[in-house]
């Protein structure tokens, strides 16, 4: 374990009473998903597309002659029941660590002022009207070394929002019920919870690495506070994501990502939970070198094939310990733009490549808007027909 990333709270195992209150009912989609991840050899493989867009869900229900609900969560639950798959839902949480607000008095006709009170003072960010945070490199809050001090201070304040966070998570668990699993959204300490742009974090890491590491440690601690609440409120997977080699280097990945990911997985497992890792880029080298295996994620997606990734599914799957489930890996462009028969053929290939191994049949990232219902259904029905 990288001691700079181990929680100051130490390792704590969830009590049986806490775990019992969050147990999924037998036979439900949520229970089927969790049972498969924990014991893949003993359960039917899971089919679970990654976050299909609302327009795809609505169009697919209409294609089947089924009513829509007016709600994306309700639509996916309805579709999953009709087609027999196990849905997953991802719920973000960085807004509770960095609850930026618009300061109308500090804004003018040309610029919008955003503020975030911290113990170090009020953190301020001004952007041209029409631009939102994260839309350009210069629009991220962390731009200077001084911003890191505000960032670190803001992380300490998350404990003041416990009831707000609990209420939000509890509402989500009640909404989804046992009709699917809930994965907590990615905080990603190595990207400072998406408060810094990619080019900027590279420069900051190069120019003042020790400051950057302190910021990583601060947001890691804040994320563990949020994760602990998520586990207590019945969320099924803690999670993180990362870049492929089209956007980072092996050395940077080893220094920034791997220690944190391994610690997240260990922290989650110590509490009886499951850890989910998402990387939809060029990752075959990480599989081949055993990097992903050492993280010990329970679910590892998306094993993206060319052109978005560079993975060969059977080879990647063979590099992981049996206890880790791969998830993926149908190409999104093919799913949206290919023929029904091409989608069926690619899905058959995916199922065959992982036969008898721990694999969740899914897509290589979030299902694109405009994906035809015929193609989406061809993928789902083919995967289910081949897995029982």
Protein backbone atom coordinates (compact mmCIF):
# COMPACT_ATOMS: atom_id res chain seq x y z
CA UNK A 1 0.00 0.00 0.00
CA UNK A 2 1.14 3.54 -0.75
CA UNK A 3 1.06 5.08 2.73
CA UNK A 4 0.39 8.56 1.34
CA UNK A 5 -2.96 7.25 0.14
CA UNK A 6 -4.06 5.10 3.06
CA UNK A 7 -6.93 6.71 4.93
CA UNK A 8 -6.12 8.28 8.26
CA UNK A 9 -9.23 6.43 9.49
CA UNK A 10 -7.47 3.12 8.99
CA UNK A 11 -9.02 -0.11 7.80
CA UNK A 12 -12.53 -0.74 9.01
CA UNK A 13 -14.74 -3.69 8.18
CA UNK A 14 -18.46 -3.08 7.81
CA UNK A 15 -20.55 -4.75 10.48
CA UNK A 16 -22.90 -7.57 9.56
CA UNK A 17 -25.85 -5.41 10.61
CA UNK A 18 -24.82 -2.65 8.19
CA UNK A 19 -24.34 -5.10 5.35
CA UNK A 20 -27.64 -6.86 6.01
CA UNK A 21 -29.59 -3.64 5.59
CA UNK A 22 -28.33 -3.27 2.03
CA UNK A 23 -28.75 -6.84 0.79
CA UNK A 24 -30.46 -7.23 -2.57
CA UNK A 25 -33.50 -9.49 -2.72
CA UNK A 26 -32.99 -12.90 -4.38
CA UNK A 27 -33.82 -13.08 -8.07
CA UNK A 28 -33.66 -9.33 -8.68
CA UNK A 29 -31.48 -7.71 -11.33
CA UNK A 30 -29.31 -6.19 -8.63
CA UNK A 31 -28.81 -9.51 -6.89
CA UNK A 32 -28.05 -11.31 -10.16
CA UNK A 33 -25.40 -8.71 -11.01
CA UNK A 34 -23.72 -8.84 -7.59
CA UNK A 35 -23.87 -12.62 -7.35
CA UNK A 36 -22.19 -12.97 -10.73
CA UNK A 37 -19.38 -10.57 -9.83
CA UNK A 38 -18.74 -12.37 -6.55
CA UNK A 39 -19.03 -15.92 -7.95
CA UNK A 40 -19.03 -15.88 -11.76
CA UNK A 41 -18.62 -19.64 -12.12
CA UNK A 42 -21.82 -20.25 -10.18
CA UNK A 43 -24.19 -17.78 -11.86
CA UNK A 44 -25.56 -16.78 -15.24
CA UNK A 45 -23.39 -14.17 -17.02
CA UNK A 46 -24.55 -10.59 -16.76
CA UNK A 47 -25.62 -8.52 -19.78
CA UNK A 48 -25.42 -4.82 -18.96
CA UNK A 49 -24.98 -2.00 -21.51
CA UNK A 50 -23.01 0.99 -20.26
CA UNK A 51 -25.22 4.02 -19.62
CA UNK A 52 -27.42 4.12 -22.74
CA UNK A 53 -28.54 7.67 -23.47
CA UNK A 54 -32.17 8.63 -22.73
CA UNK A 55 -33.05 8.97 -26.42
CA UNK A 56 -31.88 5.40 -27.07
CA UNK A 57 -33.91 4.01 -24.19
CA UNK A 58 -37.05 5.88 -25.23
CA UNK A 59 -36.73 4.92 -28.90
CA UNK A 60 -36.11 1.27 -28.03
CA UNK A 61 -39.16 1.05 -25.80
CA UNK A 62 -41.26 2.64 -28.55
CA UNK A 63 -39.81 0.20 -31.08
CA UNK A 64 -41.01 -2.63 -28.84
CA UNK A 65 -44.44 -1.05 -28.50
CA UNK A 66 -43.91 -0.42 -24.79
CA UNK A 67 -44.83 2.76 -22.92
CA UNK A 68 -42.11 5.19 -21.87
CA UNK A 69 -42.01 6.56 -18.35
CA UNK A 70 -40.73 10.09 -18.96
CA UNK A 71 -37.71 9.28 -16.82
CA UNK A 72 -34.42 7.77 -18.02
CA UNK A 73 -34.03 5.56 -14.95
CA UNK A 74 -37.58 4.29 -15.23
CA UNK A 75 -37.15 3.72 -18.97
CA UNK A 76 -34.04 1.61 -18.49
CA UNK A 77 -35.64 -0.45 -15.76
CA UNK A 78 -38.65 -1.08 -18.01
CA UNK A 79 -36.42 -2.03 -20.94
CA UNK A 80 -34.22 -4.30 -18.85
CA UNK A 81 -37.26 -6.22 -17.67
CA UNK A 82 -38.58 -6.57 -21.20
CA UNK A 83 -35.29 -7.72 -22.73
CA UNK A 84 -33.82 -9.51 -19.69
CA UNK A 85 -30.64 -7.68 -18.79
CA UNK A 86 -29.12 -6.28 -15.59
CA UNK A 87 -28.81 -2.47 -15.69
CA UNK A 88 -26.25 -0.33 -13.91
CA UNK A 89 -26.62 3.30 -12.90
CA UNK A 90 -23.80 5.72 -12.12
CA UNK A 91 -24.32 8.51 -9.59
CA UNK A 92 -21.85 11.38 -9.34
CA UNK A 93 -20.50 12.78 -6.09
CA UNK A 94 -17.83 15.42 -6.81
CA UNK A 95 -20.48 18.13 -6.51
CA UNK A 96 -20.49 17.49 -2.76
CA UNK A 97 -16.74 18.03 -2.47
CA UNK A 98 -16.67 21.10 -4.71
CA UNK A 99 -20.12 22.75 -4.56
CA UNK A 100 -19.35 25.78 -6.71
CA UNK A 101 -22.03 28.49 -6.77
CA UNK A 102 -22.63 31.47 -9.03
CA UNK A 103 -22.03 34.83 -7.36
CA UNK A 104 -24.48 37.13 -9.11
CA UNK A 105 -23.11 40.25 -7.41
CA UNK A 106 -19.59 39.43 -8.55
CA UNK A 107 -20.72 38.72 -12.12
CA UNK A 108 -21.19 41.25 -14.92
CA UNK A 109 -22.51 41.28 -18.48
CA UNK A 110 -19.37 39.63 -19.82
CA UNK A 111 -18.24 37.25 -17.09
CA UNK A 112 -19.78 34.89 -14.55
CA UNK A 113 -18.20 34.67 -11.11
CA UNK A 114 -18.13 31.29 -9.35
CA UNK A 115 -17.23 31.01 -5.67
CA UNK A 116 -16.46 28.23 -3.22
CA UNK A 117 -15.98 29.13 0.48
CA UNK A 118 -13.07 27.30 2.14
CA UNK A 119 -11.13 27.60 5.39
CA UNK A 120 -8.32 29.16 3.35
CA UNK A 121 -10.68 31.86 2.08
CA UNK A 122 -13.14 32.12 -0.79
CA UNK A 123 -11.96 30.37 -3.93
CA UNK A 124 -13.03 32.41 -6.97
CA UNK A 125 -13.22 31.58 -10.66
CA UNK A 126 -14.43 33.98 -13.38
CA UNK A 127 -15.42 32.72 -16.80
CA UNK A 128 -16.78 34.39 -19.95
CA UNK A 129 -20.53 34.02 -20.27
CA UNK A 130 -21.41 30.97 -22.30
CA UNK A 131 -18.42 29.01 -21.01
CA UNK A 132 -18.78 26.38 -18.31
CA UNK A 133 -16.17 24.87 -16.03
CA UNK A 134 -14.25 22.14 -17.76
CA UNK A 135 -15.15 23.20 -21.30
CA UNK A 136 -11.60 24.43 -22.06
CA UNK A 137 -8.22 23.99 -20.39
CA UNK A 138 -8.38 27.51 -18.93
CA UNK A 139 -11.88 27.02 -17.54
CA UNK A 140 -10.90 24.49 -14.85
CA UNK A 141 -10.61 25.91 -11.32
CA UNK A 142 -7.05 24.72 -10.59
CA UNK A 143 -4.67 26.87 -12.63
CA UNK A 144 -1.91 27.92 -10.21
CA UNK A 145 -0.06 26.53 -7.22
CA UNK A 146 -2.10 28.86 -5.02
CA UNK A 147 -5.26 27.19 -6.31
CA UNK A 148 -4.01 23.92 -4.82
CA UNK A 149 -4.21 25.47 -1.34
CA UNK A 150 -7.86 26.36 -1.90
CA UNK A 151 -8.43 22.91 -3.37
CA UNK A 152 -6.95 21.15 -0.35
CA UNK A 153 -8.96 23.31 2.03
CA UNK A 154 -12.19 22.64 0.12
CA UNK A 155 -11.65 18.89 0.50
CA UNK A 156 -11.78 19.21 4.28
CA UNK A 157 -15.26 20.73 4.17
CA UNK A 158 -17.02 17.70 2.72
CA UNK A 159 -17.67 16.34 6.23
CA UNK A 160 -20.06 19.26 6.78
CA UNK A 161 -22.39 17.89 4.08
CA UNK A 162 -23.01 14.41 5.47
CA UNK A 163 -26.79 14.68 5.74
CA UNK A 164 -27.11 16.22 2.28
CA UNK A 165 -24.99 13.44 0.79
CA UNK A 166 -26.88 10.70 2.66
CA UNK A 167 -30.23 12.06 1.52
CA UNK A 168 -29.08 12.20 -2.10
CA UNK A 169 -27.71 8.65 -2.04
CA UNK A 170 -30.75 7.29 -0.20
CA UNK A 171 -33.08 8.80 -2.79
CA UNK A 172 -31.12 7.10 -5.56
CA UNK A 173 -31.17 3.72 -3.83
CA UNK A 174 -34.92 3.98 -3.36
CA UNK A 175 -35.42 5.07 -6.97
CA UNK A 176 -33.44 2.19 -8.44
CA UNK A 177 -34.47 -0.25 -5.70
CA UNK A 178 -33.33 -3.76 -6.64
CA UNK A 179 -33.85 -3.20 -10.37
CA UNK A 180 -30.16 -2.53 -10.97
CA UNK A 181 -26.80 -1.86 -9.37
CA UNK A 182 -25.55 1.60 -8.48
CA UNK A 183 -21.95 2.59 -9.15
CA UNK A 184 -20.64 5.74 -7.51
CA UNK A 185 -19.27 8.27 -10.01
CA UNK A 186 -15.55 8.83 -10.43
CA UNK A 187 -13.66 11.23 -8.16
CA UNK A 188 -10.24 10.31 -9.61
CA UNK A 189 -7.72 11.94 -7.23
CA UNK A 190 -4.99 11.87 -9.89
CA UNK A 191 -7.13 14.32 -11.91
CA UNK A 192 -8.03 16.24 -8.76
CA UNK A 193 -11.70 15.31 -9.08
CA UNK A 194 -11.87 16.96 -12.52
CA UNK A 195 -10.99 20.37 -11.09
CA UNK A 196 -7.88 20.58 -13.31
CA UNK A 197 -7.38 20.15 -17.05
CA UNK A 198 -5.20 17.41 -18.50
CA UNK A 199 -2.47 19.67 -19.89
CA UNK A 200 -2.41 21.65 -16.64
CA UNK A 201 -2.07 18.61 -14.38
CA UNK A 202 0.87 17.42 -16.42
CA UNK A 203 2.63 20.78 -15.98
CA UNK A 204 1.77 21.01 -12.29
CA UNK A 205 3.04 17.48 -11.68
CA UNK A 206 6.27 18.44 -13.43
CA UNK A 207 6.72 21.84 -11.74
CA UNK A 208 5.58 21.15 -8.16
CA UNK A 209 4.95 17.46 -7.71
CA UNK A 210 4.89 17.60 -3.90
CA UNK A 211 2.05 20.15 -3.98
CA UNK A 212 0.17 18.05 -6.49
CA UNK A 213 0.59 14.95 -4.32
CA UNK A 214 -0.82 16.82 -1.31
CA UNK A 215 -3.86 17.75 -3.38
CA UNK A 216 -4.27 14.12 -4.46
CA UNK A 217 -4.09 12.99 -0.85
CA UNK A 218 -6.64 15.61 0.21
CA UNK A 219 -9.24 14.64 -2.37
CA UNK A 220 -8.56 10.94 -1.76
CA UNK A 221 -9.50 11.45 1.90
CA UNK A 222 -12.58 13.44 0.90
CA UNK A 223 -13.64 10.72 -1.51
CA UNK A 224 -13.32 8.04 1.17
CA UNK A 225 -15.70 10.01 3.37
CA UNK A 226 -18.20 10.09 0.51
CA UNK A 227 -17.60 6.44 -0.39
CA UNK A 228 -18.24 5.36 3.20
CA UNK A 229 -21.63 7.08 3.10
CA UNK A 230 -22.40 5.49 -0.26
CA UNK A 231 -21.69 2.02 1.12
CA UNK A 232 -23.85 2.67 4.15
CA UNK A 233 -26.70 3.88 1.93
CA UNK A 234 -26.61 0.75 -0.22
CA UNK A 235 -24.49 1.64 -3.24
CA UNK A 236 -23.08 -1.50 -4.82
CA UNK A 237 -19.74 -0.44 -6.32
CA UNK A 238 -17.13 2.14 -5.45
CA UNK A 239 -15.31 3.26 -8.58
CA UNK A 240 -12.64 5.21 -10.40
CA UNK A 241 -11.64 5.73 -14.02
CA UNK A 242 -8.44 6.44 -15.91
CA UNK A 243 -6.75 7.35 -19.16
CA UNK A 244 -5.41 4.98 -21.77
CA UNK A 245 -2.01 5.32 -23.40
CA UNK A 246 -3.41 7.69 -26.01
CA UNK A 247 -3.56 10.31 -23.21
CA UNK A 248 -0.98 9.33 -20.58
CA UNK A 249 2.32 7.45 -20.32
CA UNK A 250 3.18 4.17 -18.56
CA UNK A 251 5.38 6.03 -16.06
CA UNK A 252 2.74 8.63 -15.21
CA UNK A 253 0.07 5.96 -14.90
CA UNK A 254 2.29 3.97 -12.53
CA UNK A 255 3.07 7.03 -10.41
CA UNK A 256 -0.33 8.74 -10.32
CA UNK A 257 -3.06 6.19 -10.94
CA UNK A 258 -1.96 2.75 -9.77
CA UNK A 259 -1.24 3.48 -6.08
CA UNK A 260 -4.59 5.22 -5.67
CA UNK A 261 -6.52 2.53 -7.55
CA UNK A 262 -4.95 -0.26 -5.52
CA UNK A 263 -5.73 1.56 -2.29
CA UNK A 264 -9.32 2.22 -3.37
CA UNK A 265 -9.77 -1.48 -4.10
CA UNK A 266 -8.23 -2.54 -0.78
CA UNK A 267 -10.25 0.04 1.18
CA UNK A 268 -13.47 -1.13 -0.49
CA UNK A 269 -12.73 -4.82 0.02
CA UNK A 270 -11.91 -4.23 3.69
CA UNK A 271 -15.49 -3.01 4.09
CA UNK A 272 -17.06 -5.90 2.23
CA UNK A 273 -17.70 -3.83 -0.90
CA UNK A 274 -16.91 -4.17 -4.60
CA UNK A 275 -14.60 -1.95 -6.66
CA UNK A 276 -15.26 -0.97 -10.29
CA UNK A 277 -12.61 0.48 -12.62
CA UNK A 278 -13.38 2.19 -15.93
CA UNK A 279 -10.84 2.81 -18.68
CA UNK A 280 -12.12 3.07 -22.24
CA UNK A 281 -8.85 3.87 -24.02
CA UNK A 282 -5.73 2.08 -25.22
CA UNK A 283 -4.99 -0.28 -22.36
CA UNK A 284 -3.70 -3.56 -23.81
CA UNK A 285 -0.20 -2.79 -22.50
CA UNK A 286 -1.61 -2.48 -18.97
CA UNK A 287 -3.25 -5.89 -19.32
CA UNK A 288 -0.12 -7.49 -20.80
CA UNK A 289 2.19 -6.08 -18.11
CA UNK A 290 -0.09 -7.23 -15.28
CA UNK A 291 -0.78 -3.66 -14.15
CA UNK A 292 -4.54 -4.08 -14.19
CA UNK A 293 -4.34 -7.44 -12.46
CA UNK A 294 -2.43 -5.92 -9.54
CA UNK A 295 -5.15 -3.34 -8.95
CA UNK A 296 -7.55 -6.18 -8.03
CA UNK A 297 -10.71 -4.49 -9.27
CA UNK A 298 -13.86 -6.61 -9.11
CA UNK A 299 -15.14 -5.15 -12.40
CA UNK A 300 -12.79 -3.77 -15.04
CA UNK A 301 -14.30 -2.10 -18.09
CA UNK A 302 -14.35 -1.46 -21.04
CA UNK A 303 -11.54 -3.42 -22.76
CA UNK A 304 -12.17 -1.15 -25.74
CA UNK A 305 -11.33 -2.59 -29.18
CA UNK A 306 -9.92 -0.55 -32.10
CA UNK A 307 -10.38 2.19 -33.11
CA UNK A 308 -11.15 3.74 -29.69
CA UNK A 309 -8.94 1.25 -27.86
CA UNK A 310 -6.29 -1.29 -28.77
CA UNK A 311 -7.51 -4.36 -26.90
CA UNK A 312 -8.02 -7.91 -28.07
CA UNK A 313 -10.65 -9.21 -25.67
CA UNK A 314 -9.56 -12.82 -25.24
CA UNK A 315 -5.94 -11.79 -24.68
CA UNK A 316 -6.87 -9.08 -22.17
CA UNK A 317 -9.22 -11.38 -20.27
CA UNK A 318 -6.50 -14.03 -20.02
CA UNK A 319 -4.19 -11.56 -18.25
CA UNK A 320 -6.52 -11.04 -15.29
CA UNK A 321 -7.00 -13.14 -12.18
CA UNK A 322 -10.21 -15.23 -12.29
CA UNK A 323 -11.73 -13.11 -9.52
CA UNK A 324 -11.88 -9.96 -11.67
CA UNK A 325 -14.74 -9.52 -14.12
CA UNK A 326 -13.95 -7.80 -17.38
CA UNK A 327 -16.82 -5.78 -18.87
CA UNK A 328 -17.34 -4.64 -22.45
CA UNK A 329 -16.45 -4.48 -25.28
CA UNK A 330 -18.74 -3.82 -28.29
CA UNK A 331 -17.48 -0.87 -30.35
CA UNK A 332 -19.82 2.11 -30.06
CA UNK A 333 -19.42 3.23 -33.66
CA UNK A 334 -20.37 -0.21 -34.90
CA UNK A 335 -23.35 -0.30 -32.55
CA UNK A 336 -24.62 3.04 -33.84
CA UNK A 337 -23.64 2.94 -37.51
CA UNK A 338 -23.26 -0.73 -38.41
CA UNK A 339 -25.86 -3.17 -39.71
CA UNK A 340 -27.93 -5.36 -37.43
CA UNK A 341 -26.06 -8.41 -38.69
CA UNK A 342 -22.69 -6.76 -38.03
CA UNK A 343 -23.76 -5.99 -34.47
CA UNK A 344 -24.91 -9.57 -33.97
CA UNK A 345 -21.64 -10.92 -35.36
CA UNK A 346 -19.51 -8.69 -33.10
CA UNK A 347 -21.60 -9.64 -30.07
CA UNK A 348 -21.24 -13.35 -30.85
CA UNK A 349 -17.49 -12.86 -31.11
CA UNK A 350 -17.43 -11.10 -27.73
CA UNK A 351 -19.37 -13.88 -26.01
CA UNK A 352 -17.28 -16.61 -27.61
CA UNK A 353 -14.00 -14.90 -26.67
CA UNK A 354 -14.91 -14.95 -22.98
CA UNK A 355 -16.84 -18.22 -22.73
CA UNK A 356 -16.34 -19.81 -19.33
CA UNK A 357 -14.58 -16.74 -17.95
CA UNK A 358 -15.72 -13.86 -15.75
CA UNK A 359 -17.05 -11.31 -18.22
CA UNK A 360 -20.01 -8.91 -18.24
CA UNK A 361 -21.32 -8.45 -21.77
CA UNK A 362 -21.54 -4.76 -22.51
CA UNK A 363 -20.39 -1.89 -24.70
CA UNK A 364 -16.99 -0.22 -25.03
CA UNK A 365 -18.28 2.96 -23.35
CA UNK A 366 -21.57 4.80 -22.85
CA UNK A 367 -24.04 3.95 -25.63
CA UNK A 368 -24.06 6.85 -28.10
CA UNK A 369 -27.10 9.02 -28.76
CA UNK A 370 -28.81 8.10 -31.98
CA UNK A 371 -28.03 4.39 -31.70
CA UNK A 372 -30.86 2.64 -33.60
CA UNK A 373 -33.21 0.50 -31.51
CA UNK A 374 -32.75 -2.41 -33.92
CA UNK A 375 -28.99 -2.42 -33.31
CA UNK A 376 -29.28 -1.97 -29.57
CA UNK A 377 -31.76 -4.83 -29.32
CA UNK A 378 -29.63 -7.02 -31.59
CA UNK A 379 -26.72 -6.63 -29.19
CA UNK A 380 -28.78 -7.29 -26.06
CA UNK A 381 -30.78 -10.21 -27.41
CA UNK A 382 -27.75 -11.92 -28.95
CA UNK A 383 -25.72 -11.65 -25.75
CA UNK A 384 -28.59 -12.97 -23.68
CA UNK A 385 -29.42 -15.81 -26.06
CA UNK A 386 -25.82 -17.03 -25.91
CA UNK A 387 -25.55 -16.82 -22.12
CA UNK A 388 -28.92 -18.17 -21.04
